[in-house]
Amino acid sequence: MVIIDLMTALMGVSMGFLAFLVIGGISGASALIFYPGQANRPKLEKLLLAAFLGFVAALGSSYLGQYFALFQSGQMLEWLSAIFASCLTGCIFTALAK
């Protein structure tokens, strides 16, 4: 029984990590691509950095929200805060990078 509980806990952590990787990566990269400005393509380094910053923002908002007891893992507010934080970070980075 302990093994099943441990597997469930580890699966939740790894799935959350992958979900925040996808959410943060997509929102950070799309903020760089669709931000108004010059019509040229962004460099790969900036694109990867924007995706990484979006991932870190999504992960950070999730852990901070759980730390301050605003929500629990898996709740809708956690996902909304992750999406909002990654989009905001991507837009700020893109505004400063261009």
C-alpha atoms as a PDB file:
ATOM      1  CA  MET A   1       0.000   0.000   0.000  1.00  0.00           C
ATOM      2  CA  VAL A   2       2.893   2.344   0.765  1.00  0.00           C
ATOM      3  CA  ILE A   3       4.385   1.671  -2.669  1.00  0.00           C
ATOM      4  CA  ILE A   4       1.153   2.689  -4.404  1.00  0.00           C
ATOM      5  CA  ASP A   5       0.967   5.937  -2.408  1.00  0.00           C
ATOM      6  CA  LEU A   6       4.590   6.711  -3.243  1.00  0.00           C
ATOM      7  CA  MET A   7       3.993   6.014  -6.945  1.00  0.00           C
ATOM      8  CA  THR A   8       0.923   8.274  -6.920  1.00  0.00           C
ATOM      9  CA  ALA A   9       2.857  11.104  -5.274  1.00  0.00           C
ATOM     10  CA  LEU A  10       5.777  10.799  -7.687  1.00  0.00           C
ATOM     11  CA  MET A  11       3.472  10.609 -10.704  1.00  0.00           C
ATOM     12  CA  GLY A  12       1.719  13.808  -9.618  1.00  0.00           C
ATOM     13  CA  VAL A  13       5.015  15.653  -9.229  1.00  0.00           C
ATOM     14  CA  SER A  14       6.372  14.508 -12.581  1.00  0.00           C
ATOM     15  CA  MET A  15       3.136  15.256 -14.427  1.00  0.00           C
ATOM     16  CA  GLY A  16       2.976  18.720 -12.869  1.00  0.00           C
ATOM     17  CA  PHE A  17       6.568  19.355 -13.916  1.00  0.00           C
ATOM     18  CA  LEU A  18       5.826  18.326 -17.501  1.00  0.00           C
ATOM     19  CA  ALA A  19       2.629  20.361 -17.601  1.00  0.00           C
ATOM     20  CA  PHE A  20       4.410  23.482 -16.387  1.00  0.00           C
ATOM     21  CA  LEU A  21       7.190  22.840 -18.871  1.00  0.00           C
ATOM     22  CA  VAL A  22       4.670  22.782 -21.715  1.00  0.00           C
ATOM     23  CA  ILE A  23       2.553  25.694 -20.423  1.00  0.00           C
ATOM     24  CA  GLY A  24       5.529  27.921 -19.655  1.00  0.00           C
ATOM     25  CA  GLY A  25       7.409  27.009 -22.795  1.00  0.00           C
ATOM     26  CA  ILE A  26       4.530  27.643 -25.137  1.00  0.00           C
ATOM     27  CA  SER A  27       3.406  30.883 -23.521  1.00  0.00           C
ATOM     28  CA  GLY A  28       6.941  32.271 -23.224  1.00  0.00           C
ATOM     29  CA  ALA A  29       7.848  31.414 -26.805  1.00  0.00           C
ATOM     30  CA  SER A  30       4.544  32.667 -28.208  1.00  0.00           C
ATOM     31  CA  ALA A  31       4.975  35.958 -26.369  1.00  0.00           C
ATOM     32  CA  LEU A  32       8.287  36.407 -28.158  1.00  0.00           C
ATOM     33  CA  ILE A  33       6.903  35.382 -31.557  1.00  0.00           C
ATOM     34  CA  PHE A  34       3.620  37.338 -31.510  1.00  0.00           C
ATOM     35  CA  TYR A  35       4.841  40.475 -29.728  1.00  0.00           C
ATOM     36  CA  PRO A  36       4.348  43.493 -31.996  1.00  0.00           C
ATOM     37  CA  GLY A  37       7.501  44.986 -33.357  1.00  0.00           C
ATOM     38  CA  GLN A  38       9.958  44.117 -36.076  1.00  0.00           C
ATOM     39  CA  ALA A  39       8.824  41.497 -38.559  1.00  0.00           C
ATOM     40  CA  ASN A  40      12.012  39.423 -38.464  1.00  0.00           C
ATOM     41  CA  ARG A  41      12.220  35.989 -36.876  1.00  0.00           C
ATOM     42  CA  PRO A  42      13.561  35.817 -33.313  1.00  0.00           C
ATOM     43  CA  LYS A  43      16.906  34.136 -32.741  1.00  0.00           C
ATOM     44  CA  LEU A  44      16.917  30.632 -31.313  1.00  0.00           C
ATOM     45  CA  GLU A  45      18.694  31.734 -28.133  1.00  0.00           C
ATOM     46  CA  LYS A  46      16.016  34.322 -27.347  1.00  0.00           C
ATOM     47  CA  LEU A  47      13.277  31.830 -28.142  1.00  0.00           C
ATOM     48  CA  LEU A  48      14.729  29.220 -25.795  1.00  0.00           C
ATOM     49  CA  LEU A  49      15.348  31.796 -23.074  1.00  0.00           C
ATOM     50  CA  ALA A  50      11.756  33.049 -23.311  1.00  0.00           C
ATOM     51  CA  ALA A  51      10.468  29.470 -23.084  1.00  0.00           C
ATOM     52  CA  PHE A  52      12.698  28.762 -20.087  1.00  0.00           C
ATOM     53  CA  LEU A  53      11.632  31.952 -18.303  1.00  0.00           C
ATOM     54  CA  GLY A  54       7.980  31.063 -18.904  1.00  0.00           C
ATOM     55  CA  PHE A  55       8.578  27.614 -17.413  1.00  0.00           C
ATOM     56  CA  VAL A  56      10.319  29.047 -14.352  1.00  0.00           C
ATOM     57  CA  ALA A  57       7.507  31.566 -13.848  1.00  0.00           C
ATOM     58  CA  ALA A  58       4.825  28.863 -14.096  1.00  0.00           C
ATOM     59  CA  LEU A  59       6.674  26.606 -11.694  1.00  0.00           C
ATOM     60  CA  GLY A  60       7.404  29.450  -9.284  1.00  0.00           C
ATOM     61  CA  SER A  61       3.808  30.667  -9.209  1.00  0.00           C
ATOM     62  CA  SER A  62       2.622  27.145  -8.459  1.00  0.00           C
ATOM     63  CA  TYR A  63       5.020  26.624  -5.585  1.00  0.00           C
ATOM     64  CA  LEU A  64       4.515  30.099  -4.124  1.00  0.00           C
ATOM     65  CA  GLY A  65       0.743  29.743  -4.259  1.00  0.00           C
ATOM     66  CA  GLN A  66       0.928  26.419  -2.464  1.00  0.00           C
ATOM     67  CA  TYR A  67       3.412  27.803   0.067  1.00  0.00           C
ATOM     68  CA  PHE A  68       1.133  30.709   0.969  1.00  0.00           C
ATOM     69  CA  ALA A  69      -1.890  28.351   1.033  1.00  0.00           C
ATOM     70  CA  LEU A  70      -3.740  30.118  -1.775  1.00  0.00           C
ATOM     71  CA  PHE A  71      -4.510  26.810  -3.490  1.00  0.00           C
ATOM     72  CA  GLN A  72      -3.614  23.140  -3.480  1.00  0.00           C
ATOM     73  CA  SER A  73      -1.885  21.158  -6.197  1.00  0.00           C
ATOM     74  CA  GLY A  74      -4.130  20.420  -9.154  1.00  0.00           C
ATOM     75  CA  GLN A  75      -6.727  23.110  -8.526  1.00  0.00           C
ATOM     76  CA  MET A  76      -7.873  25.390 -11.318  1.00  0.00           C
ATOM     77  CA  LEU A  77      -6.431  28.469  -9.620  1.00  0.00           C
ATOM     78  CA  GLU A  78      -2.986  26.859  -9.737  1.00  0.00           C
ATOM     79  CA  TRP A  79      -3.245  26.410 -13.498  1.00  0.00           C
ATOM     80  CA  LEU A  80      -4.571  29.928 -14.011  1.00  0.00           C
ATOM     81  CA  SER A  81      -1.772  31.442 -11.953  1.00  0.00           C
ATOM     82  CA  ALA A  82       0.806  29.407 -13.878  1.00  0.00           C
ATOM     83  CA  ILE A  83      -0.568  30.556 -17.222  1.00  0.00           C
ATOM     84  CA  PHE A  84      -0.829  34.179 -16.103  1.00  0.00           C
ATOM     85  CA  ALA A  85       2.666  34.248 -14.606  1.00  0.00           C
ATOM     86  CA  SER A  86       4.291  32.663 -17.650  1.00  0.00           C
ATOM     87  CA  CYS A  87       2.496  34.982 -20.078  1.00  0.00           C
ATOM     88  CA  LEU A  88       3.378  38.045 -17.996  1.00  0.00           C
ATOM     89  CA  THR A  89       7.022  36.998 -17.737  1.00  0.00           C
ATOM     90  CA  GLY A  90       7.180  36.282 -21.466  1.00  0.00           C
ATOM     91  CA  CYS A  91       5.722  39.682 -22.319  1.00  0.00           C
ATOM     92  CA  ILE A  92       8.075  41.530 -19.960  1.00  0.00           C
ATOM     93  CA  PHE A  93      11.090  39.666 -21.328  1.00  0.00           C
ATOM     94  CA  THR A  94      10.034  40.303 -24.902  1.00  0.00           C
ATOM     95  CA  ALA A  95       9.445  44.006 -24.255  1.00  0.00           C
ATOM     96  CA  LEU A  96      12.924  44.321 -22.756  1.00  0.00           C
ATOM     97  CA  ALA A  97      14.605  42.107 -25.381  1.00  0.00           C
ATOM     98  CA  LYS A  98      13.301  43.891 -28.483  1.00  0.00           C
END
